[in-house]
PDB file of all heavy atoms in Angstrom:
ATOM      1  N   SER A   1     -11.985 136.387  -4.079  1.00  0.00           N
ATOM      2  CA  SER A   1     -11.540 137.541  -3.316  1.00  0.00           C
ATOM      3  C   SER A   1     -12.414 137.714  -2.086  1.00  0.00           C
ATOM      4  O   SER A   1     -13.609 137.429  -2.119  1.00  0.00           O
ATOM      5  CB  SER A   1     -11.605 138.816  -4.161  1.00  0.00           C
ATOM      6  OG  SER A   1     -10.745 138.743  -5.270  1.00  0.00           O
ATOM      7  N   CYS A   2     -11.811 138.179  -1.019  1.00  0.00           N
ATOM      8  CA  CYS A   2     -12.516 138.492   0.219  1.00  0.00           C
ATOM      9  C   CYS A   2     -12.145 139.910   0.601  1.00  0.00           C
ATOM     10  O   CYS A   2     -11.036 140.154   1.094  1.00  0.00           O
ATOM     11  CB  CYS A   2     -12.135 137.502   1.319  1.00  0.00           C
ATOM     12  SG  CYS A   2     -12.837 137.861   2.946  1.00  0.00           S
ATOM     13  N   ALA A   3     -13.050 140.844   0.357  1.00  0.00           N
ATOM     14  CA  ALA A   3     -12.805 142.255   0.633  1.00  0.00           C
ATOM     15  C   ALA A   3     -13.387 142.624   1.989  1.00  0.00           C
ATOM     16  O   ALA A   3     -14.561 142.368   2.257  1.00  0.00           O
ATOM     17  CB  ALA A   3     -13.414 143.124  -0.461  1.00  0.00           C
ATOM     18  N   ALA A   4     -12.574 143.228   2.837  1.00  0.00           N
ATOM     19  CA  ALA A   4     -12.992 143.617   4.177  1.00  0.00           C
ATOM     20  C   ALA A   4     -13.236 145.119   4.256  1.00  0.00           C
ATOM     21  O   ALA A   4     -12.563 145.912   3.583  1.00  0.00           O
ATOM     22  CB  ALA A   4     -11.943 143.210   5.201  1.00  0.00           C
ATOM     23  N   SER A   5     -14.189 145.499   5.080  1.00  0.00           N
ATOM     24  CA  SER A   5     -14.470 146.903   5.343  1.00  0.00           C
ATOM     25  C   SER A   5     -14.854 147.068   6.807  1.00  0.00           C
ATOM     26  O   SER A   5     -15.091 146.096   7.515  1.00  0.00           O
ATOM     27  CB  SER A   5     -15.582 147.431   4.431  1.00  0.00           C
ATOM     28  OG  SER A   5     -16.795 146.727   4.642  1.00  0.00           O
ATOM     29  N   GLY A   6     -14.922 148.300   7.260  1.00  0.00           N
ATOM     30  CA  GLY A   6     -15.226 148.582   8.653  1.00  0.00           C
ATOM     31  C   GLY A   6     -13.975 148.759   9.490  1.00  0.00           C
ATOM     32  O   GLY A   6     -13.886 149.699  10.296  1.00  0.00           O
ATOM     33  N   ARG A   7     -13.040 147.858   9.346  1.00  0.00           N
ATOM     34  CA  ARG A   7     -11.739 147.922   9.991  1.00  0.00           C
ATOM     35  C   ARG A   7     -10.689 147.318   9.077  1.00  0.00           C
ATOM     36  O   ARG A   7     -11.011 146.472   8.231  1.00  0.00           O
ATOM     37  CB  ARG A   7     -11.724 147.165  11.318  1.00  0.00           C
ATOM     38  CG  ARG A   7     -12.411 147.845  12.483  1.00  0.00           C
ATOM     39  CD  ARG A   7     -12.298 146.994  13.729  1.00  0.00           C
ATOM     40  NE  ARG A   7     -12.849 147.668  14.899  1.00  0.00           N
ATOM     41  CZ  ARG A   7     -12.138 148.425  15.723  1.00  0.00           C
ATOM     42  NH1 ARG A   7     -10.846 148.603  15.528  1.00  0.00           N
ATOM     43  NH2 ARG A   7     -12.722 148.997  16.775  1.00  0.00           N
ATOM     44  N   THR A   8      -9.461 147.724   9.274  1.00  0.00           N
ATOM     45  CA  THR A   8      -8.387 147.029   8.584  1.00  0.00           C
ATOM     46  C   THR A   8      -8.219 145.641   9.203  1.00  0.00           C
ATOM     47  O   THR A   8      -8.345 145.464  10.415  1.00  0.00           O
ATOM     48  CB  THR A   8      -7.070 147.811   8.670  1.00  0.00           C
ATOM     49  OG1 THR A   8      -6.027 147.053   8.037  1.00  0.00           O
ATOM     50  CG2 THR A   8      -6.670 148.064  10.120  1.00  0.00           C
ATOM     51  N   ILE A   9      -7.965 144.650   8.364  1.00  0.00           N
ATOM     52  CA  ILE A   9      -7.763 143.290   8.851  1.00  0.00           C
ATOM     53  C   ILE A   9      -6.302 142.881   8.744  1.00  0.00           C
ATOM     54  O   ILE A   9      -5.983 141.691   8.743  1.00  0.00           O
ATOM     55  CB  ILE A   9      -8.654 142.274   8.110  1.00  0.00           C
ATOM     56  CG1 ILE A   9      -8.376 142.286   6.601  1.00  0.00           C
ATOM     57  CG2 ILE A   9     -10.121 142.550   8.393  1.00  0.00           C
ATOM     58  CD1 ILE A   9      -9.013 141.121   5.867  1.00  0.00           C
ATOM     59  N   SER A  10      -5.421 143.857   8.690  1.00  0.00           N
ATOM     60  CA  SER A  10      -3.999 143.551   8.556  1.00  0.00           C
ATOM     61  C   SER A  10      -3.468 142.745   9.737  1.00  0.00           C
ATOM     62  O   SER A  10      -2.483 142.007   9.586  1.00  0.00           O
ATOM     63  CB  SER A  10      -3.186 144.839   8.392  1.00  0.00           C
ATOM     64  OG  SER A  10      -3.334 145.688   9.515  1.00  0.00           O
ATOM     65  N   SER A  11      -4.094 142.870  10.903  1.00  0.00           N
ATOM     66  CA  SER A  11      -3.670 142.137  12.090  1.00  0.00           C
ATOM     67  C   SER A  11      -4.551 140.921  12.382  1.00  0.00           C
ATOM     68  O   SER A  11      -4.393 140.289  13.430  1.00  0.00           O
ATOM     69  CB  SER A  11      -3.653 143.060  13.307  1.00  0.00           C
ATOM     70  OG  SER A  11      -4.945 143.555  13.594  1.00  0.00           O
ATOM     71  N   TYR A  12      -5.447 140.572  11.471  1.00  0.00           N
ATOM     72  CA  TYR A  12      -6.371 139.445  11.650  1.00  0.00           C
ATOM     73  C   TYR A  12      -5.872 138.219  10.895  1.00  0.00           C
ATOM     74  O   TYR A  12      -5.294 138.329   9.813  1.00  0.00           O
ATOM     75  CB  TYR A  12      -7.762 139.794  11.112  1.00  0.00           C
ATOM     76  CG  TYR A  12      -8.567 140.770  11.941  1.00  0.00           C
ATOM     77  CD1 TYR A  12      -8.056 141.993  12.318  1.00  0.00           C
ATOM     78  CD2 TYR A  12      -9.872 140.452  12.321  1.00  0.00           C
ATOM     79  CE1 TYR A  12      -8.808 142.884  13.062  1.00  0.00           C
ATOM     80  CE2 TYR A  12     -10.632 141.343  13.066  1.00  0.00           C
ATOM     81  CZ  TYR A  12     -10.096 142.556  13.431  1.00  0.00           C
ATOM     82  OH  TYR A  12     -10.857 143.441  14.160  1.00  0.00           O
ATOM     83  N   GLY A  13      -6.132 137.055  11.473  1.00  0.00           N
ATOM     84  CA  GLY A  13      -6.018 135.842  10.697  1.00  0.00           C
ATOM     85  C   GLY A  13      -7.262 135.705   9.821  1.00  0.00           C
ATOM     86  O   GLY A  13      -8.354 136.111  10.207  1.00  0.00           O
ATOM     87  N   VAL A  14      -7.106 135.141   8.634  1.00  0.00           N
ATOM     88  CA  VAL A  14      -8.224 134.976   7.716  1.00  0.00           C
ATOM     89  C   VAL A  14      -8.242 133.542   7.207  1.00  0.00           C
ATOM     90  O   VAL A  14      -7.192 132.984   6.867  1.00  0.00           O
ATOM     91  CB  VAL A  14      -8.147 135.965   6.539  1.00  0.00           C
ATOM     92  CG1 VAL A  14      -9.283 135.711   5.551  1.00  0.00           C
ATOM     93  CG2 VAL A  14      -8.211 137.400   7.045  1.00  0.00           C
ATOM     94  N   GLY A  15      -9.427 132.965   7.158  1.00  0.00           N
ATOM     95  CA  GLY A  15      -9.585 131.608   6.669  1.00  0.00           C
ATOM     96  C   GLY A  15     -10.621 131.520   5.566  1.00  0.00           C
ATOM     97  O   GLY A  15     -11.495 132.381   5.450  1.00  0.00           O
ATOM     98  N   TRP A  16     -10.506 130.477   4.761  1.00  0.00           N
ATOM     99  CA  TRP A  16     -11.514 130.111   3.777  1.00  0.00           C
ATOM    100  C   TRP A  16     -12.123 128.771   4.180  1.00  0.00           C
ATOM    101  O   TRP A  16     -11.405 127.827   4.541  1.00  0.00           O
ATOM    102  CB  TRP A  16     -10.920 129.994   2.374  1.00  0.00           C
ATOM    103  CG  TRP A  16     -10.618 131.307   1.725  1.00  0.00           C
ATOM    104  CD1 TRP A  16      -9.426 131.964   1.698  1.00  0.00           C
ATOM    105  CD2 TRP A  16     -11.537 132.125   0.981  1.00  0.00           C
ATOM    106  NE1 TRP A  16      -9.536 133.138   0.989  1.00  0.00           N
ATOM    107  CE2 TRP A  16     -10.827 133.261   0.536  1.00  0.00           C
ATOM    108  CE3 TRP A  16     -12.884 132.001   0.652  1.00  0.00           C
ATOM    109  CZ2 TRP A  16     -11.412 134.265  -0.217  1.00  0.00           C
ATOM    110  CZ3 TRP A  16     -13.474 133.003  -0.095  1.00  0.00           C
ATOM    111  CH2 TRP A  16     -12.744 134.117  -0.524  1.00  0.00           C
ATOM    112  N   PHE A  17     -13.445 128.700   4.114  1.00  0.00           N
ATOM    113  CA  PHE A  17     -14.194 127.489   4.401  1.00  0.00           C
ATOM    114  C   PHE A  17     -15.174 127.241   3.259  1.00  0.00           C
ATOM    115  O   PHE A  17     -15.470 128.147   2.478  1.00  0.00           O
ATOM    116  CB  PHE A  17     -14.955 127.615   5.728  1.00  0.00           C
ATOM    117  CG  PHE A  17     -14.059 127.724   6.935  1.00  0.00           C
ATOM    118  CD1 PHE A  17     -13.445 128.925   7.262  1.00  0.00           C
ATOM    119  CD2 PHE A  17     -13.829 126.624   7.744  1.00  0.00           C
ATOM    120  CE1 PHE A  17     -12.619 129.030   8.367  1.00  0.00           C
ATOM    121  CE2 PHE A  17     -13.004 126.718   8.858  1.00  0.00           C
ATOM    122  CZ  PHE A  17     -12.400 127.917   9.162  1.00  0.00           C
ATOM    123  N   ARG A  18     -15.677 126.028   3.172  1.00  0.00           N
ATOM    124  CA  ARG A  18     -16.669 125.723   2.139  1.00  0.00           C
ATOM    125  C   ARG A  18     -17.721 124.779   2.694  1.00  0.00           C
ATOM    126  O   ARG A  18     -17.474 124.021   3.625  1.00  0.00           O
ATOM    127  CB  ARG A  18     -16.011 125.121   0.898  1.00  0.00           C
ATOM    128  CG  ARG A  18     -15.373 123.759   1.111  1.00  0.00           C
ATOM    129  CD  ARG A  18     -14.594 123.342  -0.126  1.00  0.00           C
ATOM    130  NE  ARG A  18     -14.016 122.015  -0.001  1.00  0.00           N
ATOM    131  CZ  ARG A  18     -13.185 121.468  -0.881  1.00  0.00           C
ATOM    132  NH1 ARG A  18     -12.832 122.152  -1.970  1.00  0.00           N
ATOM    133  NH2 ARG A  18     -12.704 120.247  -0.678  1.00  0.00           N
ATOM    134  N   GLN A  19     -18.901 124.839   2.091  1.00  0.00           N
ATOM    135  CA  GLN A  19     -20.004 124.006   2.533  1.00  0.00           C
ATOM    136  C   GLN A  19     -20.794 123.524   1.324  1.00  0.00           C
ATOM    137  O   GLN A  19     -21.315 124.325   0.555  1.00  0.00           O
ATOM    138  CB  GLN A  19     -20.915 124.770   3.487  1.00  0.00           C
ATOM    139  CG  GLN A  19     -21.990 123.905   4.131  1.00  0.00           C
ATOM    140  CD  GLN A  19     -22.667 124.607   5.294  1.00  0.00           C
ATOM    141  OE1 GLN A  19     -22.620 125.829   5.416  1.00  0.00           O
ATOM    142  NE2 GLN A  19     -23.288 123.831   6.165  1.00  0.00           N
ATOM    143  N   ALA A  20     -20.863 122.214   1.173  1.00  0.00           N
ATOM    144  CA  ALA A  20     -21.654 121.588   0.134  1.00  0.00           C
ATOM    145  C   ALA A  20     -23.004 121.181   0.711  1.00  0.00           C
ATOM    146  O   ALA A  20     -23.133 120.977   1.922  1.00  0.00           O
ATOM    147  CB  ALA A  20     -20.929 120.371  -0.427  1.00  0.00           C
ATOM    148  N   PRO A  21     -24.041 121.032  -0.130  1.00  0.00           N
ATOM    149  CA  PRO A  21     -25.355 120.641   0.377  1.00  0.00           C
ATOM    150  C   PRO A  21     -25.303 119.351   1.180  1.00  0.00           C
ATOM    151  O   PRO A  21     -24.702 118.365   0.758  1.00  0.00           O
ATOM    152  CB  PRO A  21     -26.182 120.468  -0.898  1.00  0.00           C
ATOM    153  CG  PRO A  21     -25.530 121.373  -1.888  1.00  0.00           C
ATOM    154  CD  PRO A  21     -24.058 121.291  -1.578  1.00  0.00           C
ATOM    155  N   GLY A  22     -25.925 119.376   2.352  1.00  0.00           N
ATOM    156  CA  GLY A  22     -25.978 118.207   3.201  1.00  0.00           C
ATOM    157  C   GLY A  22     -24.718 117.921   3.989  1.00  0.00           C
ATOM    158  O   GLY A  22     -24.649 116.901   4.684  1.00  0.00           O
ATOM    159  N   LYS A  23     -23.719 118.785   3.900  1.00  0.00           N
ATOM    160  CA  LYS A  23     -22.470 118.579   4.610  1.00  0.00           C
ATOM    161  C   LYS A  23     -22.165 119.744   5.543  1.00  0.00           C
ATOM    162  O   LYS A  23     -22.699 120.835   5.390  1.00  0.00           O
ATOM    163  CB  LYS A  23     -21.313 118.398   3.624  1.00  0.00           C
ATOM    164  CG  LYS A  23     -21.396 117.130   2.787  1.00  0.00           C
ATOM    165  CD  LYS A  23     -20.127 116.916   1.989  1.00  0.00           C
ATOM    166  CE  LYS A  23     -20.157 115.598   1.237  1.00  0.00           C
ATOM    167  NZ  LYS A  23     -18.898 115.370   0.484  1.00  0.00           N
ATOM    168  N   GLU A  24     -21.295 119.479   6.508  1.00  0.00           N
ATOM    169  CA  GLU A  24     -20.852 120.520   7.423  1.00  0.00           C
ATOM    170  C   GLU A  24     -19.893 121.475   6.728  1.00  0.00           C
ATOM    171  O   GLU A  24     -19.210 121.104   5.764  1.00  0.00           O
ATOM    172  CB  GLU A  24     -20.164 119.897   8.635  1.00  0.00           C
ATOM    173  CG  GLU A  24     -21.053 119.027   9.500  1.00  0.00           C
ATOM    174  CD  GLU A  24     -22.105 119.826  10.228  1.00  0.00           C
ATOM    175  OE1 GLU A  24     -21.818 120.965  10.636  1.00  0.00           O
ATOM    176  OE2 GLU A  24     -23.222 119.307  10.398  1.00  0.00           O
ATOM    177  N   ARG A  25     -19.851 122.695   7.224  1.00  0.00           N
ATOM    178  CA  ARG A  25     -18.873 123.650   6.720  1.00  0.00           C
ATOM    179  C   ARG A  25     -17.474 123.161   7.087  1.00  0.00           C
ATOM    180  O   ARG A  25     -17.196 122.845   8.243  1.00  0.00           O
ATOM    181  CB  ARG A  25     -19.137 125.031   7.313  1.00  0.00           C
ATOM    182  CG  ARG A  25     -18.346 126.145   6.664  1.00  0.00           C
ATOM    183  CD  ARG A  25     -18.848 127.514   7.125  1.00  0.00           C
ATOM    184  NE  ARG A  25     -20.243 127.732   6.763  1.00  0.00           N
ATOM    185  CZ  ARG A  25     -20.886 128.875   6.953  1.00  0.00           C
ATOM    186  NH1 ARG A  25     -20.265 129.915   7.495  1.00  0.00           N
ATOM    187  NH2 ARG A  25     -22.162 128.979   6.600  1.00  0.00           N
ATOM    188  N   GLU A  26     -16.581 123.088   6.108  1.00  0.00           N
ATOM    189  CA  GLU A  26     -15.272 122.519   6.330  1.00  0.00           C
ATOM    190  C   GLU A  26     -14.157 123.505   6.001  1.00  0.00           C
ATOM    191  O   GLU A  26     -14.292 124.382   5.146  1.00  0.00           O
ATOM    192  CB  GLU A  26     -15.088 121.234   5.515  1.00  0.00           C
ATOM    193  CG  GLU A  26     -15.058 121.448   4.015  1.00  0.00           C
ATOM    194  CD  GLU A  26     -14.783 120.167   3.248  1.00  0.00           C
ATOM    195  OE1 GLU A  26     -14.639 119.096   3.872  1.00  0.00           O
ATOM    196  OE2 GLU A  26     -14.713 120.233   2.001  1.00  0.00           O
ATOM    197  N   PHE A  27     -13.043 123.304   6.667  1.00  0.00           N
ATOM    198  CA  PHE A  27     -11.874 124.147   6.491  1.00  0.00           C
ATOM    199  C   PHE A  27     -11.232 123.933   5.136  1.00  0.00           C
ATOM    200  O   PHE A  27     -11.139 122.803   4.651  1.00  0.00           O
ATOM    201  CB  PHE A  27     -10.863 123.838   7.602  1.00  0.00           C
ATOM    202  CG  PHE A  27      -9.514 124.447   7.384  1.00  0.00           C
ATOM    203  CD1 PHE A  27      -9.292 125.789   7.621  1.00  0.00           C
ATOM    204  CD2 PHE A  27      -8.455 123.670   6.944  1.00  0.00           C
ATOM    205  CE1 PHE A  27      -8.052 126.363   7.423  1.00  0.00           C
ATOM    206  CE2 PHE A  27      -7.203 124.225   6.748  1.00  0.00           C
ATOM    207  CZ  PHE A  27      -7.008 125.572   6.985  1.00  0.00           C
ATOM    208  N   VAL A  28     -10.755 125.019   4.536  1.00  0.00           N
ATOM    209  CA  VAL A  28     -10.046 124.963   3.260  1.00  0.00           C
ATOM    210  C   VAL A  28      -8.616 125.480   3.405  1.00  0.00           C
ATOM    211  O   VAL A  28      -7.653 124.782   3.080  1.00  0.00           O
ATOM    212  CB  VAL A  28     -10.778 125.764   2.168  1.00  0.00           C
ATOM    213  CG1 VAL A  28      -9.960 125.782   0.880  1.00  0.00           C
ATOM    214  CG2 VAL A  28     -12.164 125.174   1.925  1.00  0.00           C
ATOM    215  N   ALA A  29      -8.462 126.712   3.882  1.00  0.00           N
ATOM    216  CA  ALA A  29      -7.142 127.333   3.959  1.00  0.00           C
ATOM    217  C   ALA A  29      -7.181 128.479   4.947  1.00  0.00           C
ATOM    218  O   ALA A  29      -8.233 129.066   5.209  1.00  0.00           O
ATOM    219  CB  ALA A  29      -6.686 127.840   2.586  1.00  0.00           C
ATOM    220  N   THR A  30      -6.029 128.835   5.496  1.00  0.00           N
ATOM    221  CA  THR A  30      -5.942 129.971   6.403  1.00  0.00           C
ATOM    222  C   THR A  30      -4.596 130.653   6.254  1.00  0.00           C
ATOM    223  O   THR A  30      -3.623 130.042   5.788  1.00  0.00           O
ATOM    224  CB  THR A  30      -6.168 129.545   7.866  1.00  0.00           C
ATOM    225  OG1 THR A  30      -6.296 130.703   8.704  1.00  0.00           O
ATOM    226  CG2 THR A  30      -5.014 128.690   8.379  1.00  0.00           C
ATOM    227  N   ILE A  31      -4.541 131.918   6.647  1.00  0.00           N
ATOM    228  CA  ILE A  31      -3.314 132.698   6.606  1.00  0.00           C
ATOM    229  C   ILE A  31      -3.228 133.542   7.874  1.00  0.00           C
ATOM    230  O   ILE A  31      -4.200 134.169   8.287  1.00  0.00           O
ATOM    231  CB  ILE A  31      -3.246 133.561   5.325  1.00  0.00           C
ATOM    232  CG1 ILE A  31      -1.897 134.268   5.210  1.00  0.00           C
ATOM    233  CG2 ILE A  31      -4.400 134.561   5.264  1.00  0.00           C
ATOM    234  CD1 ILE A  31      -1.665 134.866   3.823  1.00  0.00           C
TER     235      ILE A  31
END
């Protein structure tokens, strides 16, 4: 889960990324 606060993110694009040790942060999914 990714919970947002401060502002509504209903108009924002949101992505998931991941980073393993020794590797660059990589794209997983977006909406």
